[in-house]
Amino acid sequence: MSFSPRISAPLFTVAASSFLVLAYNQAFWQRFLMATGGFSVGNVPLLAATFVLLVLVFNAFLSLVNFKPIIKPVVMVLMVLTSAAAYFMNQYGVQIDKAMVQNVVETDTREAAELLSVKMVATIALLGILPAVLVSRLQLTYAARPGRRLLINVGMVVGSLALAAGILVLFFKSYAPTFREHRELRFLLTPTNYIQAVNGFIGQKLARPTVVAPLGRDASRGATWAGQPRRTVTVLVVGETARAMNFSLNNYPRITNPQLAQRAGLINFSNVSSCGTATAVSVPCVFSALGRENYSDGKAQSQEGMLDVLKHAGLDVVWIDNNSGCKGVCARVGYEDISQPVAGDPLCNDEECFDEKLLQTLPDRIRNAKNDLVIVLHQKGSHGPAYWKRYPAQFAKFGPVCETNDLEKCSREQITAAYDNTILYTDYVLDKAIGVLQHAGTEAGVDTALVYFSDHGESLGEKNMYLHGAPYIISPPEQRSVPFMLWMSDHYAERFKIDRRCVAARANQPFSHDNVFHSVLGMLDITTAVYNPALDLFNACTHG
């Protein structure tokens, strides 16, 4: 005899709503408890009312689609998707918003594979697929007449929302300060968080213009370029997931920057904040002229960016990628992807290539260039959770390290050790890049400079948060505070009349990704109407 119990359709939506609130919202309930003072007898009415309130709201929306061909598939899909969302929120302490959805969509298959684990599969199977299968076996009973079925659904919607409104009014004194001071709660309540995020992401994509507006077409080289026989090579290194607080240059107790600490002329900016907390936001933002407050994906996609302006000024521009792409900012300049592993290449393993491969063609590229050149190197950097895969074995200085994607199986010390090894390797790569540029200046008579900044930081277990991508407004400093460094040859500094002592004196002042666009134009003496000297961190340190 097959398992196919009968249940009335209105009761089914109530049961499904209750299951959604209870089974998938551990992260929400934990944060809500903290926000309301913790569990106590006096807090029970508020907790019970909140549970009923959420069930009523979910029930109202499910009742809108409570029709025989629709309701079961809707609930089944919700169960599977919500179990996946709940896993990532519980496992990594992430919150889900539009930017997080964008980050997921734009993540390549190799990065996505690193998030797979036995625990993830088991969680989705037990909390998503199994309940969905049980729902598929249910027999829902409806009123005989179509008009009565519609009336019942309308009654459930109106009744649920009316009762929910009553609870909201009754406990408004508690809800108002809680949700105003703890905005992260709306990013933790699932499935509403990812439904809203996906809706916002789709709307944003549909609103994208088909024509990209020009920017800085008036760009030209300033007076410092006149009569200069030497070519220039400016390298911009875009780091990945490197947080400033784990750089020993910023007083981190572990020596994660042994090479750069000895590098003469390096200027380290210690107080820099990112534009976003995920690559999909930060990379387009930092290369745009918009700034964080005015940034949106749609705006960034609708106009040219920094690399276009440099190209308009007559510089050759190329983006070399060891990550998951340039997020559209290099669409109109040269692009090379070196991330695919090559058999027998010592700078690659079976899955990916190490960041040192970004430097493999750099000497020949500088030597053979016929024009002034800007090269962007996009690192794999410290991308998690598989930190241990980001560096060659000889850079495993700190340990023991976490060597699993399931961070719950590792201690924070093991996770941090693996992460610190990625910073140690980045230190080596940056120092080697500077060495290449320094040698080029001597051998080929080229004026060279390197600017390094990371796209965003990373959480390593602080406040039970891992990885990155938290909504910016509630993101922790670990995800916003990023490294930023500058090195330039003597000839480069002299050519562009940049007082490096003056720049170094400003190194501890607060800066952000907003400064990058204008500072790169400023250091290269590019004249254009879109340049803002107030955001150029070199402007106060140049002399005529």
Protein backbone atom coordinates (compact mmCIF):
# COMPACT_ATOMS: atom_id res chain seq x y z
CA MET A 1 0.00 0.00 0.00
CA SER A 2 1.57 3.31 -1.06
CA PHE A 3 2.07 6.20 1.35
CA SER A 4 -0.33 8.97 0.31
CA PRO A 5 -2.06 10.62 3.30
CA ARG A 6 -4.85 13.10 2.73
CA ILE A 7 -4.84 16.65 4.08
CA SER A 8 -7.00 19.67 3.38
CA ALA A 9 -5.33 22.25 1.16
CA PRO A 10 -5.75 25.16 3.65
CA LEU A 11 -4.24 23.07 6.46
CA PHE A 12 -1.38 22.07 4.16
CA THR A 13 -0.28 25.70 3.61
CA VAL A 14 -0.32 26.30 7.36
CA ALA A 15 1.76 23.16 7.94
CA ALA A 16 4.17 24.05 5.13
CA SER A 17 4.55 27.59 6.48
CA SER A 18 5.26 26.27 9.97
CA PHE A 19 7.88 23.89 8.57
CA LEU A 20 9.58 26.70 6.61
CA VAL A 21 9.80 28.88 9.71
CA LEU A 22 11.09 26.12 11.98
CA ALA A 23 13.30 23.91 9.82
CA TYR A 24 15.29 26.45 7.85
CA ASN A 25 15.67 29.51 10.04
CA GLN A 26 18.18 28.53 12.68
CA ALA A 27 20.39 31.53 11.81
CA PHE A 28 17.43 33.92 12.04
CA TRP A 29 16.26 32.59 15.40
CA GLN A 30 19.75 32.67 16.89
CA ARG A 31 20.26 36.29 15.85
CA PHE A 32 16.72 37.25 16.89
CA LEU A 33 17.31 35.79 20.36
CA MET A 34 20.52 37.79 20.69
CA ALA A 35 18.78 40.94 19.47
CA THR A 36 15.97 40.62 22.02
CA GLY A 37 18.10 39.87 25.06
CA GLY A 38 18.37 36.08 24.94
CA PHE A 39 16.02 33.34 26.09
CA SER A 40 14.06 33.99 29.26
CA VAL A 41 10.60 33.28 30.60
CA GLY A 42 9.66 36.90 30.04
CA ASN A 43 10.73 36.65 26.41
CA VAL A 44 8.57 33.61 25.58
CA PRO A 45 5.48 35.63 24.54
CA LEU A 46 7.56 37.66 22.07
CA LEU A 47 9.20 34.55 20.63
CA ALA A 48 5.87 32.73 20.31
CA ALA A 49 4.23 35.77 18.74
CA THR A 50 7.10 36.11 16.26
CA PHE A 51 6.77 32.47 15.26
CA VAL A 52 3.01 32.85 14.70
CA LEU A 53 3.54 36.14 12.86
CA LEU A 54 5.99 34.57 10.41
CA VAL A 55 3.78 31.51 9.87
CA LEU A 56 0.83 33.78 9.11
CA VAL A 57 2.79 35.88 6.61
CA PHE A 58 4.20 32.80 4.85
CA ASN A 59 0.74 31.24 4.85
CA ALA A 60 -0.77 34.32 3.23
CA PHE A 61 1.65 34.09 0.32
CA LEU A 62 1.27 30.33 -0.08
CA SER A 63 -2.51 30.72 -0.04
CA LEU A 64 -2.21 32.97 -3.09
CA VAL A 65 -1.01 29.97 -5.10
CA ASN A 66 -3.01 27.30 -3.30
CA PHE A 67 -4.43 25.72 -6.43
CA LYS A 68 -4.21 22.06 -7.30
CA PRO A 69 -1.64 22.12 -10.12
CA ILE A 70 0.58 24.74 -8.46
CA ILE A 71 0.88 24.55 -4.68
CA LYS A 72 2.74 21.25 -4.30
CA PRO A 73 5.47 22.04 -6.86
CA VAL A 74 5.91 25.51 -5.32
CA VAL A 75 6.37 24.10 -1.81
CA MET A 76 8.69 21.34 -3.04
CA VAL A 77 10.95 23.81 -4.87
CA LEU A 78 10.94 26.10 -1.83
CA MET A 79 12.03 23.23 0.41
CA VAL A 80 14.99 22.28 -1.76
CA LEU A 81 16.17 25.84 -2.39
CA THR A 82 15.62 26.94 1.21
CA SER A 83 17.54 23.96 2.58
CA ALA A 84 20.52 25.04 0.46
CA ALA A 85 20.21 28.66 1.61
CA ALA A 86 19.93 27.56 5.24
CA TYR A 87 23.04 25.38 4.90
CA PHE A 88 25.22 28.28 3.73
CA MET A 89 23.84 30.65 6.35
CA ASN A 90 24.40 28.15 9.16
CA GLN A 91 27.74 26.86 7.88
CA TYR A 92 29.43 30.14 7.00
CA GLY A 93 27.41 32.77 8.84
CA VAL A 94 26.52 34.55 5.59
CA GLN A 95 23.49 36.72 4.91
CA ILE A 96 21.71 36.71 1.58
CA ASP A 97 21.06 39.87 -0.42
CA LYS A 98 21.14 40.93 -4.08
CA ALA A 99 24.92 41.28 -4.09
CA MET A 100 25.30 37.75 -2.74
CA VAL A 101 23.06 36.38 -5.51
CA GLN A 102 25.15 38.27 -8.07
CA ASN A 103 28.31 36.81 -6.57
CA VAL A 104 26.87 33.28 -6.79
CA VAL A 105 25.75 33.73 -10.40
CA GLU A 106 29.14 35.08 -11.47
CA THR A 107 31.20 32.47 -9.62
CA ASP A 108 32.91 30.02 -11.94
CA THR A 109 32.47 26.24 -11.66
CA ARG A 110 35.81 25.67 -9.95
CA GLU A 111 35.01 28.14 -7.18
CA ALA A 112 31.52 26.68 -6.80
CA ALA A 113 32.94 23.16 -6.56
CA GLU A 114 35.04 24.21 -3.57
CA LEU A 115 31.85 24.84 -1.61
CA LEU A 116 30.58 21.30 -2.15
CA SER A 117 30.85 18.91 0.79
CA VAL A 118 29.28 15.77 2.14
CA LYS A 119 27.57 17.83 4.83
CA MET A 120 26.03 20.13 2.21
CA VAL A 121 24.66 17.19 0.20
CA ALA A 122 23.35 15.51 3.36
CA THR A 123 21.68 18.71 4.56
CA ILE A 124 19.90 19.34 1.27
CA ALA A 125 18.91 15.68 1.04
CA LEU A 126 17.47 15.52 4.58
CA LEU A 127 15.96 19.00 4.88
CA GLY A 128 15.10 19.62 1.23
CA ILE A 129 14.71 16.59 -0.98
CA LEU A 130 13.19 14.21 1.60
CA PRO A 131 10.44 16.65 2.71
CA ALA A 132 9.79 17.49 -0.94
CA VAL A 133 9.30 13.80 -1.72
CA LEU A 134 6.88 13.48 1.20
CA VAL A 135 4.93 16.49 -0.05
CA SER A 136 4.73 14.92 -3.50
CA ARG A 137 2.94 11.92 -1.95
CA LEU A 138 0.30 13.96 -0.16
CA GLN A 139 -3.27 14.07 -1.46
CA LEU A 140 -4.69 17.55 -1.00
CA THR A 141 -8.42 17.92 -0.61
CA TYR A 142 -10.23 21.01 -1.89
CA ALA A 143 -13.77 22.31 -1.70
CA ALA A 144 -15.95 20.84 -4.44
CA ARG A 145 -16.98 24.12 -6.09
CA PRO A 146 -14.36 26.40 -7.73
CA GLY A 147 -15.99 29.50 -6.32
CA ARG A 148 -15.81 28.17 -2.79
CA ARG A 149 -12.14 27.18 -3.27
CA LEU A 150 -11.31 30.71 -4.38
CA LEU A 151 -13.28 32.18 -1.47
CA ILE A 152 -11.39 29.98 1.02
CA ASN A 153 -8.05 31.07 -0.43
CA VAL A 154 -9.00 34.74 -0.26
CA GLY A 155 -10.19 34.24 3.30
CA MET A 156 -6.87 32.59 4.25
CA VAL A 157 -4.89 35.46 2.73
CA VAL A 158 -6.96 38.21 4.32
CA GLY A 159 -7.31 36.43 7.64
CA SER A 160 -3.59 35.62 7.89
CA LEU A 161 -2.53 39.16 7.07
CA ALA A 162 -5.10 40.64 9.49
CA LEU A 163 -3.89 38.43 12.35
CA ALA A 164 -0.28 39.18 11.47
CA ALA A 165 -1.04 42.91 11.54
CA GLY A 166 -2.63 42.51 14.95
CA ILE A 167 0.46 40.77 16.33
CA LEU A 168 2.69 43.42 14.77
CA VAL A 169 0.71 46.20 16.46
CA LEU A 170 0.63 44.37 19.79
CA PHE A 171 4.41 43.82 19.89
CA PHE A 172 5.48 46.86 17.86
CA LYS A 173 7.31 48.36 20.84
CA SER A 174 9.64 45.33 20.80
CA TYR A 175 9.87 44.87 17.04
CA ALA A 176 10.66 48.49 16.10
CA PRO A 177 14.03 48.82 17.89
CA THR A 178 14.98 45.20 17.19
CA PHE A 179 14.64 45.39 13.42
CA ARG A 180 15.93 48.96 13.24
CA GLU A 181 19.14 48.14 15.14
CA HIS A 182 19.60 44.65 13.68
CA ARG A 183 19.08 45.06 9.96
CA GLU A 184 20.82 41.75 9.32
CA LEU A 185 17.63 39.93 10.43
CA ARG A 186 15.94 40.56 7.08
CA PHE A 187 18.90 38.97 5.30
CA LEU A 188 18.63 35.88 7.54
CA LEU A 189 14.92 35.12 7.26
CA THR A 190 14.53 32.53 4.56
CA PRO A 191 13.02 31.96 1.98
CA THR A 192 12.07 35.64 1.84
CA ASN A 193 15.73 36.73 1.78
CA TYR A 194 16.73 34.89 -1.37
CA ILE A 195 13.39 35.48 -3.10
CA GLN A 196 13.80 39.23 -2.67
CA ALA A 197 17.48 39.04 -3.62
CA VAL A 198 16.83 37.05 -6.80
CA ASN A 199 13.99 39.39 -7.75
CA GLY A 200 16.25 42.41 -7.26
CA PHE A 201 19.09 40.79 -9.21
CA ILE A 202 16.83 39.89 -12.15
CA GLY A 203 15.36 43.39 -12.19
CA GLN A 204 18.84 44.84 -12.20
CA LYS A 205 19.89 42.65 -15.12
CA LEU A 206 16.79 43.49 -17.13
CA ALA A 207 17.38 47.19 -16.53
CA ARG A 208 20.90 47.10 -17.96
CA PRO A 209 21.34 49.37 -20.96
CA THR A 210 22.47 47.91 -24.26
CA VAL A 211 24.66 50.95 -25.01
CA VAL A 212 27.67 51.83 -22.86
CA ALA A 213 28.06 55.58 -22.42
CA PRO A 214 31.53 57.00 -23.09
CA LEU A 215 33.63 58.26 -20.20
CA GLY A 216 36.73 60.40 -20.33
CA ARG A 217 36.94 60.59 -24.10
CA ASP A 218 38.72 63.91 -23.53
CA ALA A 219 41.55 62.13 -21.70
CA SER A 220 45.04 63.24 -22.65
CA ARG A 221 48.53 63.06 -21.20
CA GLY A 222 49.71 65.99 -19.13
CA ALA A 223 52.87 68.06 -19.34
CA THR A 224 55.05 65.46 -17.60
CA TRP A 225 54.85 63.26 -20.70
CA ALA A 226 56.34 65.85 -23.03
CA GLY A 227 59.76 65.03 -24.46
CA GLN A 228 60.13 61.78 -22.47
CA PRO A 229 61.94 59.07 -24.44
CA ARG A 230 61.43 56.35 -21.81
CA ARG A 231 58.33 54.15 -21.88
CA THR A 232 56.22 53.56 -18.78
CA VAL A 233 54.78 50.32 -17.43
CA THR A 234 52.22 50.58 -14.61
CA VAL A 235 51.06 47.32 -13.05
CA LEU A 236 47.79 47.19 -11.09
CA VAL A 237 47.49 44.02 -9.02
CA VAL A 238 43.92 43.23 -8.00
CA GLY A 239 44.07 40.99 -4.95
CA GLU A 240 41.37 38.52 -4.02
CA THR A 241 39.89 38.18 -0.53
CA ALA A 242 42.95 39.61 1.22
CA ARG A 243 42.14 41.37 4.46
CA ALA A 244 44.46 44.07 5.76
CA MET A 245 44.56 42.88 9.35
CA ASN A 246 46.44 39.69 8.42
CA PHE A 247 49.32 41.61 6.82
CA SER A 248 52.31 41.93 9.12
CA LEU A 249 52.93 45.29 7.43
CA ASN A 250 49.80 46.33 9.36
CA ASN A 251 51.17 45.00 12.68
CA TYR A 252 49.75 41.48 12.42
CA PRO A 253 51.85 39.38 14.84
CA ARG A 254 52.63 36.64 12.32
CA ILE A 255 55.27 37.62 9.79
CA THR A 256 53.17 37.27 6.66
CA ASN A 257 55.08 39.94 4.69
CA PRO A 258 58.77 39.07 5.09
CA GLN A 259 59.68 40.08 1.51
CA LEU A 260 57.69 43.28 1.22
CA ALA A 261 58.92 44.44 4.63
CA GLN A 262 62.43 44.52 3.14
CA ARG A 263 61.40 46.12 -0.15
CA ALA A 264 62.85 49.62 -0.38
CA GLY A 265 60.45 52.30 -1.52
CA LEU A 266 57.24 50.33 -0.81
CA ILE A 267 54.47 52.46 0.67
CA ASN A 268 51.79 50.55 2.60
CA PHE A 269 48.44 52.23 3.23
CA SER A 270 47.08 50.81 6.47
CA ASN A 271 43.55 52.22 6.65
CA VAL A 272 41.71 51.44 3.42
CA SER A 273 38.11 50.27 3.04
CA SER A 274 36.59 48.39 0.14
CA CYS A 275 33.69 49.34 -2.09
CA GLY A 276 31.92 46.03 -1.49
CA THR A 277 32.31 42.70 0.25
CA ALA A 278 32.25 40.51 -2.87
CA THR A 279 34.20 40.48 -6.13
CA ALA A 280 31.07 40.99 -8.25
CA VAL A 281 30.56 44.39 -6.59
CA SER A 282 34.03 45.56 -5.61
CA VAL A 283 35.85 44.98 -8.89
CA PRO A 284 33.35 46.91 -11.09
CA CYS A 285 33.08 49.59 -8.40
CA VAL A 286 36.80 50.20 -7.92
CA PHE A 287 37.36 50.60 -11.67
CA SER A 288 34.38 52.93 -12.08
CA ALA A 289 34.20 56.66 -11.40
CA LEU A 290 31.05 56.25 -9.33
CA GLY A 291 32.32 55.71 -5.79
CA ARG A 292 30.66 53.43 -3.27
CA GLU A 293 27.76 55.71 -2.36
CA ASN A 294 26.68 56.14 -5.99
CA TYR A 295 27.57 52.67 -7.22
CA SER A 296 25.10 50.22 -8.65
CA ASP A 297 25.70 47.38 -11.05
CA GLY A 298 23.43 49.02 -13.60
CA LYS A 299 25.26 52.35 -13.45
CA ALA A 300 28.66 50.67 -13.73
CA GLN A 301 27.54 48.63 -16.72
CA SER A 302 26.10 51.70 -18.41
CA GLN A 303 29.34 53.65 -18.68
CA GLU A 304 33.01 53.14 -19.41
CA GLY A 305 35.53 52.90 -16.58
CA MET A 306 39.11 53.59 -15.64
CA LEU A 307 40.67 51.21 -18.16
CA ASP A 308 38.71 52.87 -20.98
CA VAL A 309 39.91 56.31 -19.87
CA LEU A 310 43.52 55.12 -19.86
CA LYS A 311 42.98 53.71 -23.35
CA HIS A 312 41.48 57.02 -24.51
CA ALA A 313 44.67 58.72 -23.27
CA GLY A 314 46.70 56.54 -25.63
CA LEU A 315 48.00 53.89 -23.26
CA ASP A 316 47.91 50.19 -24.10
CA VAL A 317 45.89 48.29 -21.52
CA VAL A 318 45.73 44.53 -20.87
CA TRP A 319 44.00 42.49 -18.17
CA ILE A 320 45.62 39.16 -17.23
CA ASP A 321 43.30 36.96 -15.21
CA ASN A 322 43.89 34.11 -12.76
CA ASN A 323 40.43 34.39 -11.27
CA SER A 324 36.86 34.22 -12.55
CA GLY A 325 36.97 37.14 -14.98
CA CYS A 326 37.01 40.93 -14.79
CA LYS A 327 33.26 41.40 -14.16
CA GLY A 328 32.93 43.49 -17.32
CA VAL A 329 35.53 46.17 -16.57
CA CYS A 330 37.99 44.88 -19.18
CA ALA A 331 35.42 44.38 -21.95
CA ARG A 332 37.04 46.94 -24.26
CA VAL A 333 40.74 46.31 -23.56
CA GLY A 334 43.09 43.36 -24.04
CA TYR A 335 42.27 40.27 -21.99
CA GLU A 336 44.15 37.05 -21.28
CA ASP A 337 43.02 34.17 -19.07
CA ILE A 338 45.90 32.16 -17.58
CA SER A 339 43.81 30.35 -14.94
CA GLN A 340 43.44 27.06 -16.80
CA PRO A 341 46.02 24.49 -15.59
CA VAL A 342 48.60 23.30 -18.09
CA ALA A 343 50.00 19.78 -17.80
CA GLY A 344 53.58 19.83 -16.63
CA ASP A 345 53.56 23.51 -15.70
CA PRO A 346 55.22 23.83 -12.26
CA LEU A 347 53.10 26.93 -11.60
CA CYS A 348 49.85 24.93 -11.87
CA ASN A 349 48.33 21.94 -10.13
CA ASP A 350 45.60 19.68 -11.47
CA GLU A 351 42.86 22.20 -10.67
CA GLU A 352 44.24 25.70 -11.04
CA CYS A 353 47.35 27.86 -11.48
CA PHE A 354 49.16 29.71 -8.75
CA ASP A 355 49.38 33.50 -8.91
CA GLU A 356 53.06 33.45 -9.81
CA LYS A 357 51.94 32.44 -13.30
CA LEU A 358 50.63 35.99 -13.72
CA LEU A 359 54.28 37.07 -13.86
CA GLN A 360 55.43 34.43 -16.34
CA THR A 361 55.17 36.61 -19.45
CA LEU A 362 55.69 39.94 -17.69
CA PRO A 363 59.42 40.41 -18.59
CA ASP A 364 58.85 39.73 -22.31
CA ARG A 365 55.69 41.83 -22.32
CA ILE A 366 57.59 44.80 -20.91
CA ARG A 367 60.60 44.27 -23.16
CA ASN A 368 58.56 43.97 -26.37
CA ALA A 369 56.00 46.70 -25.73
CA LYS A 370 56.05 49.54 -28.25
CA ASN A 371 53.86 51.87 -26.24
CA ASP A 372 53.27 52.96 -22.66
CA LEU A 373 51.53 50.11 -20.91
CA VAL A 374 49.08 49.47 -18.08
CA ILE A 375 48.83 45.83 -17.01
CA VAL A 376 46.17 44.55 -14.61
CA LEU A 377 46.97 41.28 -12.83
CA HIS A 378 43.90 39.67 -11.24
CA GLN A 379 44.91 37.23 -8.52
CA LYS A 380 43.31 34.08 -7.21
CA GLY A 381 44.77 35.35 -3.95
CA SER A 382 43.13 34.11 -0.77
CA HIS A 383 39.82 32.91 -2.15
CA GLY A 384 38.14 30.45 0.23
CA PRO A 385 37.10 28.16 1.63
CA ALA A 386 39.88 26.08 0.06
CA TYR A 387 42.66 28.37 1.27
CA TRP A 388 45.20 25.54 1.31
CA LYS A 389 44.92 25.23 -2.48
CA ARG A 390 45.97 28.83 -3.12
CA TYR A 391 49.71 28.44 -2.53
CA PRO A 392 52.55 26.02 -3.43
CA ALA A 393 53.71 23.58 -0.76
CA GLN A 394 56.83 25.57 0.08
CA PHE A 395 54.66 28.40 1.40
CA ALA A 396 52.94 26.24 4.02
CA LYS A 397 54.85 27.99 6.79
CA PHE A 398 52.03 28.29 9.29
CA GLY A 399 50.17 25.26 10.52
CA PRO A 400 48.54 22.93 11.08
CA VAL A 401 46.19 24.05 8.32
CA CYS A 402 42.58 23.29 7.47
CA GLU A 403 42.50 21.09 4.37
CA THR A 404 38.77 20.67 3.87
CA ASN A 405 35.97 22.79 2.42
CA ASP A 406 33.88 21.94 5.48
CA LEU A 407 35.23 24.64 7.78
CA GLU A 408 33.18 23.31 10.67
CA LYS A 409 35.61 20.37 10.89
CA CYS A 410 38.54 22.74 11.47
CA SER A 411 39.51 24.95 14.36
CA ARG A 412 39.76 28.69 13.81
CA GLU A 413 43.50 28.36 14.30
CA GLN A 414 43.74 25.86 11.43
CA ILE A 415 41.58 28.04 9.15
CA THR A 416 43.62 31.13 9.97
CA ALA A 417 46.92 29.29 9.42
CA ALA A 418 45.87 28.25 5.91
CA TYR A 419 44.66 31.79 5.20
CA ASP A 420 47.89 33.32 6.48
CA ASN A 421 49.86 31.09 4.12
CA THR A 422 47.93 32.65 1.23
CA ILE A 423 49.01 36.10 2.42
CA LEU A 424 52.60 34.86 2.70
CA TYR A 425 52.41 33.69 -0.91
CA THR A 426 50.88 36.98 -2.05
CA ASP A 427 53.81 38.71 -0.35
CA TYR A 428 56.19 36.61 -2.47
CA VAL A 429 54.27 37.25 -5.72
CA LEU A 430 54.12 41.01 -5.18
CA ASP A 431 57.78 41.21 -4.26
CA LYS A 432 58.73 39.19 -7.33
CA ALA A 433 56.57 41.46 -9.53
CA ILE A 434 58.37 44.51 -8.15
CA GLY A 435 61.67 42.76 -8.84
CA VAL A 436 60.66 42.22 -12.47
CA LEU A 437 59.69 45.89 -12.81
CA GLN A 438 62.88 47.04 -11.14
CA HIS A 439 64.98 44.93 -13.48
CA ALA A 440 63.05 46.24 -16.50
CA GLY A 441 63.89 49.77 -15.46
CA THR A 442 67.59 48.96 -15.49
CA GLU A 443 67.69 46.63 -18.49
CA ALA A 444 65.22 48.27 -20.87
CA GLY A 445 65.14 51.82 -19.58
CA VAL A 446 61.45 51.65 -18.63
CA ASP A 447 59.82 53.71 -15.88
CA THR A 448 57.78 51.32 -13.75
CA ALA A 449 55.28 51.30 -10.87
CA LEU A 450 53.06 48.80 -9.09
CA VAL A 451 49.81 49.41 -7.23
CA TYR A 452 48.23 46.58 -5.22
CA PHE A 453 44.81 46.50 -3.61
CA SER A 454 42.44 43.71 -2.67
CA ASP A 455 38.82 43.63 -3.77
CA HIS A 456 37.45 42.81 -0.30
CA GLY A 457 38.38 41.06 2.92
CA GLU A 458 37.31 37.84 4.60
CA SER A 459 35.74 36.57 7.80
CA LEU A 460 37.61 33.72 9.46
CA GLY A 461 35.17 32.83 12.21
CA GLU A 462 34.80 36.14 14.00
CA LYS A 463 31.25 36.30 15.38
CA ASN A 464 30.75 32.89 13.75
CA MET A 465 31.02 34.42 10.27
CA TYR A 466 33.09 32.93 7.47
CA LEU A 467 34.01 33.86 3.90
CA HIS A 468 32.63 37.20 2.60
CA GLY A 469 29.68 38.79 0.84
CA ALA A 470 27.82 40.17 3.87
CA PRO A 471 25.51 43.11 3.05
CA TYR A 472 27.80 46.14 3.30
CA ILE A 473 25.67 48.02 5.79
CA ILE A 474 26.08 45.24 8.36
CA SER A 475 29.36 43.74 7.17
CA PRO A 476 32.16 43.30 9.73
CA PRO A 477 35.46 45.20 9.36
CA GLU A 478 37.20 41.92 8.46
CA GLN A 479 35.33 41.97 5.13
CA ARG A 480 35.80 45.70 4.42
CA SER A 481 39.36 46.49 5.51
CA VAL A 482 41.72 45.80 2.60
CA PRO A 483 45.45 46.14 1.87
CA PHE A 484 46.70 48.84 -0.48
CA MET A 485 50.34 49.30 -1.52
CA LEU A 486 52.41 51.39 -3.90
CA TRP A 487 55.88 50.97 -5.34
CA MET A 488 57.43 53.10 -8.05
CA SER A 489 60.91 53.33 -9.52
CA ASP A 490 63.01 56.43 -8.96
CA HIS A 491 62.64 57.43 -12.62
CA TYR A 492 58.84 56.96 -12.44
CA ALA A 493 58.53 59.19 -9.36
CA GLU A 494 60.81 61.82 -10.90
CA ARG A 495 59.02 61.71 -14.25
CA PHE A 496 55.57 62.29 -12.74
CA LYS A 497 56.93 64.61 -10.02
CA ILE A 498 55.55 62.50 -7.16
CA ASP A 499 57.07 63.17 -3.73
CA ARG A 500 57.20 59.68 -2.24
CA ARG A 501 58.04 60.98 1.25
CA CYS A 502 54.90 63.08 1.17
CA VAL A 503 52.84 60.07 0.03
CA ALA A 504 54.37 57.88 2.76
CA ALA A 505 53.44 60.51 5.36
CA ARG A 506 49.78 60.03 4.38
CA ALA A 507 49.91 56.22 4.54
CA ASN A 508 47.94 55.93 7.79
CA GLN A 509 45.15 58.28 6.75
CA PRO A 510 41.75 56.76 5.90
CA PHE A 511 41.29 55.98 2.21
CA SER A 512 38.98 53.72 0.24
CA HIS A 513 38.43 52.15 -3.16
CA ASP A 514 36.89 55.49 -4.13
CA ASN A 515 40.43 56.88 -4.32
CA VAL A 516 41.76 54.30 -6.78
CA PHE A 517 40.20 55.60 -10.01
CA HIS A 518 41.37 59.18 -9.52
CA SER A 519 44.74 58.26 -7.98
CA VAL A 520 45.70 56.09 -10.96
CA LEU A 521 44.79 58.93 -13.33
CA GLY A 522 46.66 61.35 -11.11
CA MET A 523 49.86 59.33 -10.81
CA LEU A 524 49.92 58.92 -14.61
CA ASP A 525 49.16 62.62 -15.14
CA ILE A 526 46.06 61.94 -17.22
CA THR A 527 44.03 65.09 -17.82
CA THR A 528 40.25 64.61 -18.14
CA ALA A 529 37.06 66.22 -16.89
CA VAL A 530 36.12 63.07 -14.97
CA TYR A 531 39.26 63.29 -12.80
CA ASN A 532 38.58 64.49 -9.23
CA PRO A 533 41.76 65.81 -7.57
CA ALA A 534 40.10 65.66 -4.13
CA LEU A 535 40.05 61.86 -4.41
CA ASP A 536 43.58 61.59 -5.78
CA LEU A 537 45.79 60.57 -2.86
CA PHE A 538 48.88 61.73 -4.83
CA ASN A 539 47.51 65.18 -5.65
CA ALA A 540 48.84 66.80 -2.50
CA CYS A 541 52.24 65.23 -3.11
CA THR A 542 53.03 66.31 -6.68
CA HIS A 543 55.19 69.27 -7.58
CA GLY A 544 55.58 71.22 -10.76
